[in-house]
């Protein structure tokens, strides 16, 4: 449309109710996160009118839990965020513990728990979940895993599926259920 100049490299997501969330480059410059379901497009956030300098992932949308995304913060660093009812919630930021968040995008379940990848300042990489209360380590490179590929996916029961390379060689797809 007249408002958008591109959608690459991120994919859209769709909620159970048919609302599509997407990141787009704007013709006037910058990027934003938008939703729509075949009619009017709603702007959720844009880099010019928010604390975010860039949006670094696809937004993942849930019918009940809003949407989640990675973004660069104008004041510095990156984070994992959730938007619910117009309120932007910070779930995790690059700070004293997390050194790098991402790549790819977060995934979210209808309970509002977000699964994401991050590197720790301690030199490890991991798969984490975050919500309003806490960040939980699902798996990291202290154990049998050498590294993680792709994006972790979380279902309605909180099971996180992820792909990992093993220190002993090889790789696999793993599920974490309740620790």
Protein backbone atom coordinates (compact mmCIF):
# COMPACT_ATOMS: atom_id res chain seq x y z
CA UNK A 1 0.00 0.00 0.00
CA UNK A 2 1.03 3.63 0.11
CA UNK A 3 2.15 3.20 3.74
CA UNK A 4 4.48 0.20 3.36
CA UNK A 5 7.68 -0.22 1.37
CA UNK A 6 8.47 -3.84 2.33
CA UNK A 7 7.95 -6.72 4.70
CA UNK A 8 11.24 -8.66 4.45
CA UNK A 9 12.90 -10.42 6.10
CA UNK A 10 10.28 -11.30 8.72
CA UNK A 11 7.23 -13.54 8.35
CA UNK A 12 3.73 -12.69 9.58
CA UNK A 13 1.89 -14.64 12.27
CA UNK A 14 -1.81 -15.34 12.67
CA UNK A 15 -3.97 -15.80 15.76
CA UNK A 16 -6.67 -18.45 16.18
CA UNK A 17 -9.24 -15.71 15.52
CA UNK A 18 -7.67 -14.83 12.15
CA UNK A 19 -5.85 -11.61 13.04
CA UNK A 20 -2.51 -11.29 11.24
CA UNK A 21 0.45 -9.52 12.87
CA UNK A 22 3.37 -8.31 10.78
CA UNK A 23 6.42 -6.07 10.77
CA UNK A 24 6.74 -3.64 7.85
CA UNK A 25 9.11 -1.01 6.54
CA UNK A 26 7.37 2.33 6.16
CA UNK A 27 7.64 4.51 3.05
CA UNK A 28 8.29 7.51 5.28
CA UNK A 29 11.18 5.60 6.91
CA UNK A 30 11.50 3.34 9.90
CA UNK A 31 9.55 0.22 10.72
CA UNK A 32 6.42 -0.71 12.61
CA UNK A 33 4.31 -3.57 13.88
CA UNK A 34 0.78 -3.85 12.53
CA UNK A 35 -2.28 -6.12 12.70
CA UNK A 36 -5.16 -6.71 10.34
CA UNK A 37 -7.76 -9.26 9.30
CA UNK A 38 -8.67 -8.28 5.77
CA UNK A 39 -9.99 -4.77 6.43
CA UNK A 40 -8.46 -1.90 8.32
CA UNK A 41 -4.80 -2.19 9.30
CA UNK A 42 -4.01 -1.22 12.90
CA UNK A 43 -0.65 0.22 13.84
CA UNK A 44 0.49 -1.31 17.12
CA UNK A 45 3.92 0.38 17.36
CA UNK A 46 6.33 2.25 15.13
CA UNK A 47 9.95 3.17 15.65
CA UNK A 48 9.31 6.92 15.42
CA UNK A 49 6.67 7.13 18.15
CA UNK A 50 7.95 4.56 20.64
CA UNK A 51 11.01 3.71 22.71
CA UNK A 52 12.08 1.25 20.01
CA UNK A 53 14.66 2.02 17.37
CA UNK A 54 14.16 -1.15 15.36
CA UNK A 55 11.95 -4.20 15.34
CA UNK A 56 14.21 -7.25 14.99
CA UNK A 57 11.76 -10.10 14.51
CA UNK A 58 8.36 -11.13 13.38
CA UNK A 59 5.67 -10.36 15.93
CA UNK A 60 3.97 -13.48 17.27
CA UNK A 61 0.27 -13.00 18.00
CA UNK A 62 -2.14 -14.79 20.29
CA UNK A 63 -5.89 -14.32 20.53
CA UNK A 64 -5.81 -13.88 24.32
CA UNK A 65 -2.24 -12.81 25.11
CA UNK A 66 -1.55 -9.97 22.65
CA UNK A 67 1.66 -10.08 20.68
CA UNK A 68 5.38 -10.45 21.34
CA UNK A 69 8.49 -9.33 19.46
CA UNK A 70 12.21 -8.52 19.69
CA UNK A 71 13.25 -4.89 19.35
CA UNK A 72 16.21 -2.59 19.60
CA UNK A 73 15.73 0.02 22.29
CA UNK A 74 16.55 3.66 21.50
CA UNK A 75 18.32 4.03 24.86
CA UNK A 76 20.52 0.99 24.05
CA UNK A 77 20.40 -2.78 23.82
CA UNK A 78 17.64 -5.13 22.73
CA UNK A 79 14.79 -6.89 24.43
CA UNK A 80 11.83 -9.24 24.28
CA UNK A 81 8.51 -7.44 24.63
CA UNK A 82 4.81 -8.20 24.82
CA UNK A 83 1.93 -5.87 23.98
CA UNK A 84 -1.38 -6.55 25.70
CA UNK A 85 -4.29 -4.14 25.68
CA UNK A 86 -2.08 -1.30 24.49
CA UNK A 87 0.44 -1.79 27.31
CA UNK A 88 4.04 -2.68 26.36
CA UNK A 89 5.58 -5.14 28.83
CA UNK A 90 9.33 -5.78 28.96
CA UNK A 91 9.94 -9.51 29.44
CA UNK A 92 13.75 -9.55 29.07
CA UNK A 93 16.48 -7.05 28.20
CA UNK A 94 20.15 -7.20 27.43
CA UNK A 95 21.46 -6.23 30.82
CA UNK A 96 23.76 -7.69 33.46
CA UNK A 97 22.77 -11.29 32.65
CA UNK A 98 21.71 -11.36 28.99
CA UNK A 99 24.25 -10.24 26.41
CA UNK A 100 22.35 -10.87 23.16
CA UNK A 101 18.69 -11.68 22.49
CA UNK A 102 17.62 -13.60 19.38
CA UNK A 103 18.09 -14.23 16.54
CA UNK A 104 14.87 -15.02 14.73
CA UNK A 105 11.73 -14.34 16.68
CA UNK A 106 10.00 -15.21 19.90
CA UNK A 107 6.96 -17.47 20.06
CA UNK A 108 4.13 -17.10 22.55
CA UNK A 109 1.32 -19.22 23.90
CA UNK A 110 -2.21 -18.09 24.85
CA UNK A 111 -1.13 -17.80 28.48
CA UNK A 112 1.30 -15.03 27.50
CA UNK A 113 4.52 -16.98 28.10
CA UNK A 114 7.14 -16.20 25.47
CA UNK A 115 9.91 -18.60 24.36
CA UNK A 116 13.13 -17.07 23.04
CA UNK A 117 16.86 -17.60 22.48
CA UNK A 118 19.58 -15.52 24.13
CA UNK A 119 23.29 -15.48 24.91
CA UNK A 120 24.40 -14.93 28.49
CA UNK A 121 27.27 -12.69 29.59
CA UNK A 122 28.69 -15.81 31.27
CA UNK A 123 29.54 -17.13 27.79
CA UNK A 124 26.65 -19.58 27.45
CA UNK A 125 23.70 -19.67 25.07
CA UNK A 126 20.24 -20.82 25.98
CA UNK A 127 16.55 -21.24 25.41
CA UNK A 128 14.36 -19.28 27.84
CA UNK A 129 10.76 -18.47 28.61
CA UNK A 130 9.54 -15.21 30.03
CA UNK A 131 6.30 -13.75 31.33
CA UNK A 132 5.36 -10.96 33.71
CA UNK A 133 6.78 -12.85 36.68
CA UNK A 134 10.10 -14.39 35.65
CA UNK A 135 12.59 -15.59 33.08
CA UNK A 136 13.12 -19.37 33.17
CA UNK A 137 16.06 -21.21 31.63
CA UNK A 138 14.75 -24.14 29.57
CA UNK A 139 18.14 -25.39 28.30
CA UNK A 140 21.62 -23.94 27.98
CA UNK A 141 25.12 -24.84 26.87
CA UNK A 142 26.26 -25.90 30.38
CA UNK A 143 24.83 -29.35 29.73
CA UNK A 144 24.93 -31.60 26.66
CA UNK A 145 24.08 -28.84 24.17
CA UNK A 146 26.74 -27.00 22.12
CA UNK A 147 24.31 -24.49 20.60
CA UNK A 148 20.76 -23.85 19.45
CA UNK A 149 19.31 -23.39 15.98
CA UNK A 150 16.02 -21.94 14.77
CA UNK A 151 13.43 -20.55 17.10
CA UNK A 152 11.94 -22.28 20.12
CA UNK A 153 8.19 -22.94 19.99
CA UNK A 154 5.92 -23.02 23.05
CA UNK A 155 2.47 -24.60 23.23
CA UNK A 156 -0.55 -23.91 25.43
CA UNK A 157 0.71 -26.28 28.15
CA UNK A 158 4.11 -24.58 28.33
CA UNK A 159 6.04 -27.32 26.53
CA UNK A 160 8.96 -25.78 24.65
CA UNK A 161 10.27 -27.49 21.50
CA UNK A 162 13.75 -26.53 20.28
CA UNK A 163 16.53 -27.69 17.98
CA UNK A 164 20.01 -28.11 19.45
CA UNK A 165 23.50 -29.21 18.42
CA UNK A 166 25.13 -31.67 20.81
CA UNK A 167 28.65 -31.36 22.24
CA UNK A 168 29.30 -35.03 21.45
CA UNK A 169 28.28 -34.45 17.83
CA UNK A 170 24.96 -34.61 16.05
CA UNK A 171 21.81 -32.66 16.68
CA UNK A 172 18.24 -33.23 17.73
CA UNK A 173 14.82 -31.77 18.39
CA UNK A 174 13.95 -31.65 22.07
CA UNK A 175 10.88 -30.98 24.23
CA UNK A 176 11.02 -29.48 27.69
CA UNK A 177 8.01 -30.26 29.85
CA UNK A 178 7.98 -28.84 33.37
CA UNK A 179 11.77 -28.81 33.67
